[in-house]
């Protein structure tokens, strides 16, 4: 299973396809303090990345190859998603 949901952390593993985006979005919406563990994530559909940016998620563990994930850190930190314009 590419996403393992725990109470406070979801662990994304391997390749996360588009069909998991809605489920992840709902899980994060239930509690804004939840975090993602991306240590074993190798690839995700753009919809998964959009959900991460939308929720401005906190990442408990980033993948070891830090350089490839810099763009996602910047996108999350910049708060690109605005709820007033994107309800």
PDB file of N, CA and C in Angstrom:
ATOM      1  N   UNK A   1       0.846  -1.186   0.000  1.00  0.00           N
ATOM      2  CA  UNK A   1       0.000   0.000   0.000  1.00  0.00           C
ATOM      3  C   UNK A   1       0.887   1.244   0.000  1.00  0.00           C
ATOM      4  N   UNK A   2       0.718   2.120  -0.975  1.00  0.00           N
ATOM      5  CA  UNK A   2       1.566   3.306  -1.077  1.00  0.00           C
ATOM      6  C   UNK A   2       1.394   4.332   0.043  1.00  0.00           C
ATOM      7  N   UNK A   3       0.240   4.351   0.720  1.00  0.00           N
ATOM      8  CA  UNK A   3       0.066   5.258   1.853  1.00  0.00           C
ATOM      9  C   UNK A   3      -0.437   4.452   3.042  1.00  0.00           C
ATOM     10  N   UNK A   4       0.292   4.553   4.135  1.00  0.00           N
ATOM     11  CA  UNK A   4      -0.109   3.901   5.381  1.00  0.00           C
ATOM     12  C   UNK A   4      -0.519   5.005   6.340  1.00  0.00           C
ATOM     13  N   UNK A   5      -1.789   5.007   6.726  1.00  0.00           N
ATOM     14  CA  UNK A   5      -2.319   6.048   7.599  1.00  0.00           C
ATOM     15  C   UNK A   5      -2.227   5.621   9.052  1.00  0.00           C
ATOM     16  N   UNK A   6      -1.615   6.474   9.847  1.00  0.00           N
ATOM     17  CA  UNK A   6      -1.582   6.285  11.290  1.00  0.00           C
ATOM     18  C   UNK A   6      -2.389   7.437  11.880  1.00  0.00           C
ATOM     19  N   UNK A   7      -2.420   7.571  13.177  1.00  0.00           N
ATOM     20  CA  UNK A   7      -3.244   8.616  13.769  1.00  0.00           C
ATOM     21  C   UNK A   7      -2.759  10.020  13.416  1.00  0.00           C
ATOM     22  N   UNK A   8      -1.451  10.251  13.514  1.00  0.00           N
ATOM     23  CA  UNK A   8      -0.923  11.598  13.297  1.00  0.00           C
ATOM     24  C   UNK A   8      -0.011  11.716  12.081  1.00  0.00           C
ATOM     25  N   UNK A   9       0.393  10.596  11.511  1.00  0.00           N
ATOM     26  CA  UNK A   9       1.342  10.605  10.395  1.00  0.00           C
ATOM     27  C   UNK A   9       0.891   9.628   9.313  1.00  0.00           C
ATOM     28  N   UNK A  10       1.012  10.062   8.069  1.00  0.00           N
ATOM     29  CA  UNK A  10       0.794   9.160   6.938  1.00  0.00           C
ATOM     30  C   UNK A  10       2.153   8.893   6.314  1.00  0.00           C
ATOM     31  N   UNK A  11       2.440   7.633   6.053  1.00  0.00           N
ATOM     32  CA  UNK A  11       3.718   7.235   5.465  1.00  0.00           C
ATOM     33  C   UNK A  11       3.483   6.946   3.983  1.00  0.00           C
ATOM     34  N   UNK A  12       4.122   7.737   3.123  1.00  0.00           N
ATOM     35  CA  UNK A  12       4.013   7.538   1.682  1.00  0.00           C
ATOM     36  C   UNK A  12       5.183   6.683   1.231  1.00  0.00           C
ATOM     37  N   UNK A  13       4.873   5.607   0.522  1.00  0.00           N
ATOM     38  CA  UNK A  13       5.887   4.617   0.170  1.00  0.00           C
ATOM     39  C   UNK A  13       5.873   4.340  -1.326  1.00  0.00           C
ATOM     40  N   UNK A  14       7.028   4.384  -1.941  1.00  0.00           N
ATOM     41  CA  UNK A  14       7.132   4.032  -3.352  1.00  0.00           C
ATOM     42  C   UNK A  14       6.495   5.051  -4.265  1.00  0.00           C
ATOM     43  N   UNK A  15       5.595   4.584  -5.128  1.00  0.00           N
ATOM     44  CA  UNK A  15       4.945   5.416  -6.131  1.00  0.00           C
ATOM     45  C   UNK A  15       3.480   5.619  -5.758  1.00  0.00           C
ATOM     46  N   UNK A  16       3.077   6.848  -5.501  1.00  0.00           N
ATOM     47  CA  UNK A  16       1.692   7.150  -5.119  1.00  0.00           C
ATOM     48  C   UNK A  16       0.937   7.689  -6.332  1.00  0.00           C
ATOM     49  N   UNK A  17      -0.063   6.960  -6.766  1.00  0.00           N
ATOM     50  CA  UNK A  17      -0.827   7.294  -7.965  1.00  0.00           C
ATOM     51  C   UNK A  17      -1.959   8.279  -7.670  1.00  0.00           C
ATOM     52  N   UNK A  18      -2.564   8.787  -8.715  1.00  0.00           N
ATOM     53  CA  UNK A  18      -3.598   9.809  -8.640  1.00  0.00           C
ATOM     54  C   UNK A  18      -4.805   9.367  -7.806  1.00  0.00           C
ATOM     55  N   UNK A  19      -5.150   8.094  -7.834  1.00  0.00           N
ATOM     56  CA  UNK A  19      -6.340   7.623  -7.125  1.00  0.00           C
ATOM     57  C   UNK A  19      -6.233   7.780  -5.605  1.00  0.00           C
ATOM     58  N   UNK A  20      -5.049   8.076  -5.090  1.00  0.00           N
ATOM     59  CA  UNK A  20      -4.865   8.258  -3.648  1.00  0.00           C
ATOM     60  C   UNK A  20      -5.000   9.713  -3.205  1.00  0.00           C
ATOM     61  N   UNK A  21      -5.080  10.635  -4.152  1.00  0.00           N
ATOM     62  CA  UNK A  21      -5.088  12.059  -3.826  1.00  0.00           C
ATOM     63  C   UNK A  21      -6.310  12.475  -2.998  1.00  0.00           C
ATOM     64  N   UNK A  22      -7.487  12.034  -3.389  1.00  0.00           N
ATOM     65  CA  UNK A  22      -8.703  12.409  -2.654  1.00  0.00           C
ATOM     66  C   UNK A  22      -8.678  11.885  -1.224  1.00  0.00           C
ATOM     67  N   UNK A  23      -8.240  10.664  -1.086  1.00  0.00           N
ATOM     68  CA  UNK A  23      -8.144  10.025   0.231  1.00  0.00           C
ATOM     69  C   UNK A  23      -7.160  10.792   1.129  1.00  0.00           C
ATOM     70  N   UNK A  24      -6.013  11.166   0.581  1.00  0.00           N
ATOM     71  CA  UNK A  24      -5.014  11.925   1.330  1.00  0.00           C
ATOM     72  C   UNK A  24      -5.549  13.307   1.688  1.00  0.00           C
ATOM     73  N   UNK A  25      -6.235  13.944   0.751  1.00  0.00           N
ATOM     74  CA  UNK A  25      -6.823  15.264   0.986  1.00  0.00           C
ATOM     75  C   UNK A  25      -7.811  15.215   2.152  1.00  0.00           C
ATOM     76  N   UNK A  26      -8.680  14.230   2.161  1.00  0.00           N
ATOM     77  CA  UNK A  26      -9.670  14.090   3.234  1.00  0.00           C
ATOM     78  C   UNK A  26      -8.989  13.819   4.572  1.00  0.00           C
ATOM     79  N   UNK A  27      -7.973  12.978   4.579  1.00  0.00           N
ATOM     80  CA  UNK A  27      -7.260  12.640   5.817  1.00  0.00           C
ATOM     81  C   UNK A  27      -6.583  13.873   6.400  1.00  0.00           C
ATOM     82  N   UNK A  28      -5.953  14.675   5.556  1.00  0.00           N
ATOM     83  CA  UNK A  28      -5.286  15.892   6.031  1.00  0.00           C
ATOM     84  C   UNK A  28      -6.299  16.944   6.480  1.00  0.00           C
ATOM     85  N   UNK A  29      -7.443  17.011   5.814  1.00  0.00           N
ATOM     86  CA  UNK A  29      -8.472  17.992   6.169  1.00  0.00           C
ATOM     87  C   UNK A  29      -9.075  17.718   7.547  1.00  0.00           C
ATOM     88  N   UNK A  30      -9.102  16.472   7.961  1.00  0.00           N
ATOM     89  CA  UNK A  30      -9.658  16.109   9.268  1.00  0.00           C
ATOM     90  C   UNK A  30      -8.879  16.720  10.421  1.00  0.00           C
ATOM     91  N   UNK A  31      -7.577  16.873  10.254  1.00  0.00           N
ATOM     92  CA  UNK A  31      -6.725  17.388  11.329  1.00  0.00           C
ATOM     93  C   UNK A  31      -5.513  18.085  10.708  1.00  0.00           C
ATOM     94  N   UNK A  32      -5.481  19.422  10.743  1.00  0.00           N
ATOM     95  CA  UNK A  32      -4.390  20.159  10.098  1.00  0.00           C
ATOM     96  C   UNK A  32      -3.015  19.949  10.730  1.00  0.00           C
ATOM     97  N   UNK A  33      -2.944  19.308  11.876  1.00  0.00           N
ATOM     98  CA  UNK A  33      -1.653  19.075  12.533  1.00  0.00           C
ATOM     99  C   UNK A  33      -1.002  17.766  12.103  1.00  0.00           C
ATOM    100  N   UNK A  34      -1.664  17.024  11.260  1.00  0.00           N
ATOM    101  CA  UNK A  34      -1.105  15.756  10.794  1.00  0.00           C
ATOM    102  C   UNK A  34       0.115  15.997   9.913  1.00  0.00           C
ATOM    103  N   UNK A  35       0.995  15.004   9.882  1.00  0.00           N
ATOM    104  CA  UNK A  35       2.242  15.114   9.139  1.00  0.00           C
ATOM    105  C   UNK A  35       2.370  13.989   8.121  1.00  0.00           C
ATOM    106  N   UNK A  36       3.315  14.182   7.204  1.00  0.00           N
ATOM    107  CA  UNK A  36       3.621  13.146   6.226  1.00  0.00           C
ATOM    108  C   UNK A  36       5.063  12.703   6.383  1.00  0.00           C
ATOM    109  N   UNK A  37       5.265  11.404   6.263  1.00  0.00           N
ATOM    110  CA  UNK A  37       6.602  10.824   6.246  1.00  0.00           C
ATOM    111  C   UNK A  37       6.872  10.441   4.790  1.00  0.00           C
ATOM    112  N   UNK A  38       7.842  11.119   4.186  1.00  0.00           N
ATOM    113  CA  UNK A  38       8.138  10.907   2.768  1.00  0.00           C
ATOM    114  C   UNK A  38       9.424  10.119   2.543  1.00  0.00           C
ATOM    115  N   UNK A  39       9.965   9.544   3.594  1.00  0.00           N
ATOM    116  CA  UNK A  39      11.263   8.871   3.520  1.00  0.00           C
ATOM    117  C   UNK A  39      11.355   7.860   2.379  1.00  0.00           C
ATOM    118  N   UNK A  40      10.314   7.077   2.170  1.00  0.00           N
ATOM    119  CA  UNK A  40      10.353   6.014   1.157  1.00  0.00           C
ATOM    120  C   UNK A  40       9.631   6.383  -0.136  1.00  0.00           C
ATOM    121  N   UNK A  41       9.181   7.629  -0.249  1.00  0.00           N
ATOM    122  CA  UNK A  41       8.488   8.057  -1.462  1.00  0.00           C
ATOM    123  C   UNK A  41       9.488   8.198  -2.606  1.00  0.00           C
ATOM    124  N   UNK A  42       9.200   7.554  -3.720  1.00  0.00           N
ATOM    125  CA  UNK A  42      10.077   7.670  -4.888  1.00  0.00           C
ATOM    126  C   UNK A  42       9.461   8.551  -5.962  1.00  0.00           C
ATOM    127  N   UNK A  43       8.126   8.524  -6.067  1.00  0.00           N
ATOM    128  CA  UNK A  43       7.427   9.317  -7.074  1.00  0.00           C
ATOM    129  C   UNK A  43       5.968   9.445  -6.654  1.00  0.00           C
ATOM    130  N   UNK A  44       5.356  10.562  -7.042  1.00  0.00           N
ATOM    131  CA  UNK A  44       3.928  10.735  -6.782  1.00  0.00           C
ATOM    132  C   UNK A  44       3.306  11.481  -7.959  1.00  0.00           C
ATOM    133  N   UNK A  45       2.046  11.205  -8.201  1.00  0.00           N
ATOM    134  CA  UNK A  45       1.299  11.926  -9.225  1.00  0.00           C
ATOM    135  C   UNK A  45       1.216  13.390  -8.807  1.00  0.00           C
ATOM    136  N   UNK A  46       1.117  14.287  -9.762  1.00  0.00           N
ATOM    137  CA  UNK A  46       1.056  15.717  -9.429  1.00  0.00           C
ATOM    138  C   UNK A  46      -0.116  16.049  -8.511  1.00  0.00           C
ATOM    139  N   UNK A  47      -1.191  15.298  -8.572  1.00  0.00           N
ATOM    140  CA  UNK A  47      -2.330  15.549  -7.682  1.00  0.00           C
ATOM    141  C   UNK A  47      -1.940  15.352  -6.215  1.00  0.00           C
ATOM    142  N   UNK A  48      -1.055  14.410  -5.939  1.00  0.00           N
ATOM    143  CA  UNK A  48      -0.574  14.184  -4.572  1.00  0.00           C
ATOM    144  C   UNK A  48       0.222  15.400  -4.109  1.00  0.00           C
ATOM    145  N   UNK A  49       1.097  15.905  -4.988  1.00  0.00           N
ATOM    146  CA  UNK A  49       1.882  17.093  -4.641  1.00  0.00           C
ATOM    147  C   UNK A  49       0.966  18.301  -4.428  1.00  0.00           C
ATOM    148  N   UNK A  50      -0.078  18.429  -5.229  1.00  0.00           N
ATOM    149  CA  UNK A  50      -1.022  19.534  -5.075  1.00  0.00           C
ATOM    150  C   UNK A  50      -1.728  19.473  -3.721  1.00  0.00           C
ATOM    151  N   UNK A  51      -2.073  18.284  -3.283  1.00  0.00           N
ATOM    152  CA  UNK A  51      -2.700  18.120  -1.965  1.00  0.00           C
ATOM    153  C   UNK A  51      -1.732  18.557  -0.868  1.00  0.00           C
ATOM    154  N   UNK A  52      -0.466  18.172  -0.992  1.00  0.00           N
ATOM    155  CA  UNK A  52       0.537  18.571   0.000  1.00  0.00           C
ATOM    156  C   UNK A  52       0.656  20.090   0.074  1.00  0.00           C
ATOM    157  N   UNK A  53       0.711  20.729  -1.087  1.00  0.00           N
ATOM    158  CA  UNK A  53       0.841  22.188  -1.137  1.00  0.00           C
ATOM    159  C   UNK A  53      -0.419  22.849  -0.593  1.00  0.00           C
ATOM    160  N   UNK A  54      -1.577  22.344  -0.970  1.00  0.00           N
ATOM    161  CA  UNK A  54      -2.857  22.897  -0.507  1.00  0.00           C
ATOM    162  C   UNK A  54      -2.928  22.940   1.013  1.00  0.00           C
ATOM    163  N   UNK A  55      -2.503  21.870   1.649  1.00  0.00           N
ATOM    164  CA  UNK A  55      -2.604  21.777   3.104  1.00  0.00           C
ATOM    165  C   UNK A  55      -1.391  22.363   3.823  1.00  0.00           C
ATOM    166  N   UNK A  56      -0.376  22.775   3.077  1.00  0.00           N
ATOM    167  CA  UNK A  56       0.828  23.318   3.713  1.00  0.00           C
ATOM    168  C   UNK A  56       1.374  22.346   4.741  1.00  0.00           C
ATOM    169  N   UNK A  57       1.457  21.099   4.350  1.00  0.00           N
ATOM    170  CA  UNK A  57       1.778  20.007   5.268  1.00  0.00           C
ATOM    171  C   UNK A  57       3.117  20.167   5.972  1.00  0.00           C
ATOM    172  N   UNK A  58       3.202  19.497   7.081  1.00  0.00           N
ATOM    173  CA  UNK A  58       4.457  19.377   7.811  1.00  0.00           C
ATOM    174  C   UNK A  58       5.003  17.987   7.496  1.00  0.00           C
ATOM    175  N   UNK A  59       6.276  17.937   7.151  1.00  0.00           N
ATOM    176  CA  UNK A  59       6.904  16.660   6.799  1.00  0.00           C
ATOM    177  C   UNK A  59       7.755  16.195   7.967  1.00  0.00           C
ATOM    178  N   UNK A  60       7.461  15.009   8.472  1.00  0.00           N
ATOM    179  CA  UNK A  60       8.231  14.476   9.604  1.00  0.00           C
ATOM    180  C   UNK A  60       9.573  13.928   9.151  1.00  0.00           C
ATOM    181  N   UNK A  61       9.609  13.288   7.971  1.00  0.00           N
ATOM    182  CA  UNK A  61      10.860  12.742   7.425  1.00  0.00           C
ATOM    183  C   UNK A  61      10.857  12.955   5.910  1.00  0.00           C
ATOM    184  N   UNK A  62      11.885  13.642   5.422  1.00  0.00           N
ATOM    185  CA  UNK A  62      12.052  13.847   3.980  1.00  0.00           C
ATOM    186  C   UNK A  62      12.862  12.692   3.399  1.00  0.00           C
ATOM    187  N   UNK A  63      12.747  12.458   2.097  1.00  0.00           N
ATOM    188  CA  UNK A  63      13.596  11.449   1.459  1.00  0.00           C
ATOM    189  C   UNK A  63      15.074  11.809   1.622  1.00  0.00           C
ATOM    190  N   UNK A  64      15.925  10.806   1.572  1.00  0.00           N
ATOM    191  CA  UNK A  64      17.357  11.014   1.784  1.00  0.00           C
ATOM    192  C   UNK A  64      17.968  11.938   0.735  1.00  0.00           C
ATOM    193  N   UNK A  65      17.508  11.850  -0.508  1.00  0.00           N
ATOM    194  CA  UNK A  65      18.040  12.692  -1.578  1.00  0.00           C
ATOM    195  C   UNK A  65      17.379  14.062  -1.507  1.00  0.00           C
ATOM    196  N   UNK A  66      17.913  14.913  -0.667  1.00  0.00           N
ATOM    197  CA  UNK A  66      17.315  16.211  -0.358  1.00  0.00           C
ATOM    198  C   UNK A  66      17.197  17.131  -1.570  1.00  0.00           C
ATOM    199  N   UNK A  67      18.129  17.088  -2.487  1.00  0.00           N
ATOM    200  CA  UNK A  67      18.131  18.007  -3.629  1.00  0.00           C
ATOM    201  C   UNK A  67      16.893  17.852  -4.506  1.00  0.00           C
ATOM    202  N   UNK A  68      16.445  16.645  -4.717  1.00  0.00           N
ATOM    203  CA  UNK A  68      15.295  16.421  -5.585  1.00  0.00           C
ATOM    204  C   UNK A  68      13.988  16.940  -4.994  1.00  0.00           C
ATOM    205  N   UNK A  69      13.965  17.227  -3.727  1.00  0.00           N
ATOM    206  CA  UNK A  69      12.733  17.628  -3.051  1.00  0.00           C
ATOM    207  C   UNK A  69      12.706  19.098  -2.672  1.00  0.00           C
ATOM    208  N   UNK A  70      13.741  19.830  -3.022  1.00  0.00           N
ATOM    209  CA  UNK A  70      13.809  21.254  -2.664  1.00  0.00           C
ATOM    210  C   UNK A  70      12.609  22.027  -3.217  1.00  0.00           C
ATOM    211  N   UNK A  71      12.217  21.742  -4.439  1.00  0.00           N
ATOM    212  CA  UNK A  71      11.104  22.454  -5.058  1.00  0.00           C
ATOM    213  C   UNK A  71       9.813  22.280  -4.263  1.00  0.00           C
ATOM    214  N   UNK A  72       9.594  21.086  -3.712  1.00  0.00           N
ATOM    215  CA  UNK A  72       8.380  20.833  -2.942  1.00  0.00           C
ATOM    216  C   UNK A  72       8.417  21.591  -1.622  1.00  0.00           C
ATOM    217  N   UNK A  73       9.572  21.619  -0.982  1.00  0.00           N
ATOM    218  CA  UNK A  73       9.720  22.386   0.261  1.00  0.00           C
ATOM    219  C   UNK A  73       9.393  23.853   0.018  1.00  0.00           C
ATOM    220  N   UNK A  74       9.917  24.412  -1.061  1.00  0.00           N
ATOM    221  CA  UNK A  74       9.674  25.818  -1.396  1.00  0.00           C
ATOM    222  C   UNK A  74       8.187  26.052  -1.656  1.00  0.00           C
ATOM    223  N   UNK A  75       7.553  25.166  -2.412  1.00  0.00           N
ATOM    224  CA  UNK A  75       6.132  25.315  -2.729  1.00  0.00           C
ATOM    225  C   UNK A  75       5.265  25.246  -1.474  1.00  0.00           C
ATOM    226  N   UNK A  76       5.577  24.337  -0.572  1.00  0.00           N
ATOM    227  CA  UNK A  76       4.806  24.209   0.671  1.00  0.00           C
ATOM    228  C   UNK A  76       5.011  25.440   1.543  1.00  0.00           C
ATOM    229  N   UNK A  77       6.253  25.863   1.693  1.00  0.00           N
ATOM    230  CA  UNK A  77       6.567  27.009   2.547  1.00  0.00           C
ATOM    231  C   UNK A  77       6.027  28.325   2.004  1.00  0.00           C
ATOM    232  N   UNK A  78       5.873  28.435   0.696  1.00  0.00           N
ATOM    233  CA  UNK A  78       5.423  29.695   0.100  1.00  0.00           C
ATOM    234  C   UNK A  78       3.920  29.897   0.221  1.00  0.00           C
ATOM    235  N   UNK A  79       3.221  28.885   0.687  1.00  0.00           N
ATOM    236  CA  UNK A  79       1.767  28.966   0.876  1.00  0.00           C
ATOM    237  C   UNK A  79       1.072  29.395  -0.425  1.00  0.00           C
ATOM    238  N   UNK A  80       1.373  28.700  -1.507  1.00  0.00           N
ATOM    239  CA  UNK A  80       0.819  29.019  -2.820  1.00  0.00           C
ATOM    240  C   UNK A  80      -0.697  28.880  -2.872  1.00  0.00           C
ATOM    241  N   UNK A  81      -1.235  28.004  -2.063  1.00  0.00           N
ATOM    242  CA  UNK A  81      -2.679  27.771  -2.069  1.00  0.00           C
ATOM    243  C   UNK A  81      -3.347  28.760  -1.132  1.00  0.00           C
ATOM    244  N   UNK A  82      -4.320  29.497  -1.642  1.00  0.00           N
ATOM    245  CA  UNK A  82      -5.044  30.494  -0.861  1.00  0.00           C
ATOM    246  C   UNK A  82      -6.509  30.075  -0.797  1.00  0.00           C
ATOM    247  N   UNK A  83      -6.998  29.773   0.390  1.00  0.00           N
ATOM    248  CA  UNK A  83      -8.378  29.284   0.527  1.00  0.00           C
ATOM    249  C   UNK A  83      -9.420  30.302   0.083  1.00  0.00           C
ATOM    250  N   UNK A  84      -9.107  31.593   0.151  1.00  0.00           N
ATOM    251  CA  UNK A  84     -10.075  32.600  -0.268  1.00  0.00           C
ATOM    252  C   UNK A  84     -10.305  32.559  -1.775  1.00  0.00           C
ATOM    253  N   UNK A  85      -9.260  32.267  -2.529  1.00  0.00           N
ATOM    254  CA  UNK A  85      -9.408  32.211  -3.980  1.00  0.00           C
ATOM    255  C   UNK A  85      -9.608  30.792  -4.488  1.00  0.00           C
ATOM    256  N   UNK A  86      -9.317  29.799  -3.647  1.00  0.00           N
ATOM    257  CA  UNK A  86      -9.469  28.390  -4.023  1.00  0.00           C
ATOM    258  C   UNK A  86     -10.223  27.635  -2.931  1.00  0.00           C
ATOM    259  N   UNK A  87     -11.506  27.885  -2.788  1.00  0.00           N
ATOM    260  CA  UNK A  87     -12.248  27.241  -1.683  1.00  0.00           C
ATOM    261  C   UNK A  87     -12.324  25.737  -1.811  1.00  0.00           C
TER     262      UNK A  87
END
